C-alpha atoms as a PDB file:
ATOM      1  CA  MET A   1      90.516 103.891 100.889  1.00  0.00           C
ATOM      2  CA  GLU A   2      93.516 101.910  99.857  1.00  0.00           C
ATOM      3  CA  ALA A   3      96.475 102.546  97.583  1.00  0.00           C
ATOM      4  CA  THR A   4      98.536  99.943  95.754  1.00  0.00           C
ATOM      5  CA  GLY A   5     101.991  99.965  94.245  1.00  0.00           C
ATOM      6  CA  ASN A   6     104.265  97.231  92.923  1.00  0.00           C
ATOM      7  CA  GLN A   7     107.489  96.040  94.508  1.00  0.00           C
ATOM      8  CA  LYS A   8     110.476  95.395  92.235  1.00  0.00           C
ATOM      9  CA  ASN A   9     109.485  91.718  91.986  1.00  0.00           C
ATOM     10  CA  GLY A  10     105.981  92.706  90.793  1.00  0.00           C
ATOM     11  CA  THR A  11     104.181  91.797  94.035  1.00  0.00           C
ATOM     12  CA  PRO A  12     101.603  94.468  94.901  1.00  0.00           C
ATOM     13  CA  LYS A  13     101.899  96.455  98.143  1.00  0.00           C
ATOM     14  CA  TYR A  14      98.717  97.634  99.817  1.00  0.00           C
ATOM     15  CA  GLY A  15      98.546 100.760 101.946  1.00  0.00           C
ATOM     16  CA  LYS A  16      95.842 102.828 103.591  1.00  0.00           C
ATOM     17  CA  ILE A  17      95.299 106.475 102.719  1.00  0.00           C
ATOM     18  CA  VAL A  18      95.379 108.316 106.036  1.00  0.00           C
ATOM     19  CA  SER A  19      95.366 111.973 104.947  1.00  0.00           C
ATOM     20  CA  VAL A  20      94.421 114.091 101.935  1.00  0.00           C
ATOM     21  CA  ARG A  21      95.291 117.798 101.766  1.00  0.00           C
ATOM     22  CA  GLY A  22      94.662 119.180  98.316  1.00  0.00           C
ATOM     23  CA  SER A  23      96.726 116.992  96.003  1.00  0.00           C
ATOM     24  CA  VAL A  24      99.042 115.843  98.843  1.00  0.00           C
ATOM     25  CA  VAL A  25      98.291 112.329 100.115  1.00  0.00           C
ATOM     26  CA  ASP A  26      99.767 110.396 103.065  1.00  0.00           C
ATOM     27  CA  VAL A  27      99.660 106.599 102.826  1.00  0.00           C
ATOM     28  CA  TRP A  28     100.334 104.123 105.665  1.00  0.00           C
ATOM     29  CA  PHE A  29     101.893 100.697 104.997  1.00  0.00           C
ATOM     30  CA  GLU A  30     102.058  97.889 107.544  1.00  0.00           C
ATOM     31  CA  LYS A  31     105.364  96.518 106.290  1.00  0.00           C
ATOM     32  CA  LYS A  32     108.048  97.942 104.000  1.00  0.00           C
ATOM     33  CA  ILE A  33     107.193 101.291 102.431  1.00  0.00           C
ATOM     34  CA  PRO A  34     107.605 101.991  98.704  1.00  0.00           C
ATOM     35  CA  SER A  35     110.624 103.820  97.317  1.00  0.00           C
ATOM     36  CA  ILE A  36     110.571 107.492  96.394  1.00  0.00           C
ATOM     37  CA  TYR A  37     109.171 108.087  92.876  1.00  0.00           C
ATOM     38  CA  THR A  38     107.083 104.892  93.065  1.00  0.00           C
ATOM     39  CA  LEU A  39     103.666 105.308  91.444  1.00  0.00           C
ATOM     40  CA  LEU A  40     100.725 104.244  93.625  1.00  0.00           C
ATOM     41  CA  HIS A  41      97.154 103.808  92.381  1.00  0.00           C
ATOM     42  CA  SER A  42      93.887 104.317  94.235  1.00  0.00           C
ATOM     43  CA  GLY A  43      90.186 104.848  93.692  1.00  0.00           C
ATOM     44  CA  LYS A  44      87.611 103.049  91.649  1.00  0.00           C
ATOM     45  CA  ASP A  45      89.353 101.295  88.759  1.00  0.00           C
ATOM     46  CA  LYS A  46      92.674 102.671  90.091  1.00  0.00           C
ATOM     47  CA  GLN A  47      92.172 105.958  88.190  1.00  0.00           C
ATOM     48  CA  VAL A  48      94.002 108.102  90.787  1.00  0.00           C
ATOM     49  CA  ALA A  49      97.803 108.030  90.502  1.00  0.00           C
ATOM     50  CA  ILE A  50      99.948 109.120  93.468  1.00  0.00           C
ATOM     51  CA  GLU A  51     103.708 109.595  93.101  1.00  0.00           C
ATOM     52  CA  VAL A  52     105.685 108.974  96.324  1.00  0.00           C
ATOM     53  CA  LEU A  53     107.816 112.050  97.078  1.00  0.00           C
ATOM     54  CA  SER A  54     109.007 111.403 100.650  1.00  0.00           C
ATOM     55  CA  GLN A  55     109.215 108.699 103.286  1.00  0.00           C
ATOM     56  CA  LEU A  56     107.902 110.158 106.552  1.00  0.00           C
ATOM     57  CA  ASP A  57     108.769 107.235 108.855  1.00  0.00           C
ATOM     58  CA  ASP A  58     108.885 103.415 108.843  1.00  0.00           C
ATOM     59  CA  HIS A  59     105.209 103.140 107.872  1.00  0.00           C
ATOM     60  CA  ARG A  60     104.139 106.354 106.088  1.00  0.00           C
ATOM     61  CA  VAL A  61     104.902 107.984 102.762  1.00  0.00           C
ATOM     62  CA  ARG A  62     103.766 111.305 101.334  1.00  0.00           C
ATOM     63  CA  GLY A  63     102.858 111.625  97.707  1.00  0.00           C
ATOM     64  CA  MET A  64     101.319 113.949  95.176  1.00  0.00           C
ATOM     65  CA  CYS A  65      98.334 113.128  92.988  1.00  0.00           C
ATOM     66  CA  VAL A  66      99.494 113.343  89.416  1.00  0.00           C
ATOM     67  CA  GLU A  67      95.998 113.040  87.944  1.00  0.00           C
ATOM     68  CA  GLN A  68      92.869 115.044  88.652  1.00  0.00           C
ATOM     69  CA  MET A  69      90.921 113.705  91.636  1.00  0.00           C
ATOM     70  CA  GLU A  70      87.157 113.433  91.351  1.00  0.00           C
ATOM     71  CA  PRO A  71      85.437 115.683  93.929  1.00  0.00           C
ATOM     72  CA  SER A  72      83.412 112.712  95.207  1.00  0.00           C
ATOM     73  CA  LEU A  73      86.582 110.612  95.710  1.00  0.00           C
ATOM     74  CA  ARG A  74      88.294 113.436  97.569  1.00  0.00           C
ATOM     75  CA  TYR A  75      85.247 113.804  99.841  1.00  0.00           C
ATOM     76  CA  ARG A  76      85.285 110.067 100.659  1.00  0.00           C
ATOM     77  CA  LEU A  77      89.041 110.142 101.417  1.00  0.00           C
ATOM     78  CA  GLU A  78      88.717 113.131 103.767  1.00  0.00           C
ATOM     79  CA  LYS A  79      85.878 111.618 105.856  1.00  0.00           C
END
């Protein structure tokens, strides 16, 4: 599953969701990670919003889902 967020210049960043624990989500980015409080979107039609709350290292951020996750989406992310 992938997550996207926009850089300041409007170019989208693509990351890979690597962990889901309840409403806490870790996302891995190959290059520069998004800033804290950036809103990422994931899922079919980008209906899941994830707010970045911390930068774990040079490639991973941790965020919180700010919208209800569908049970089927959560199951697919945890597999």
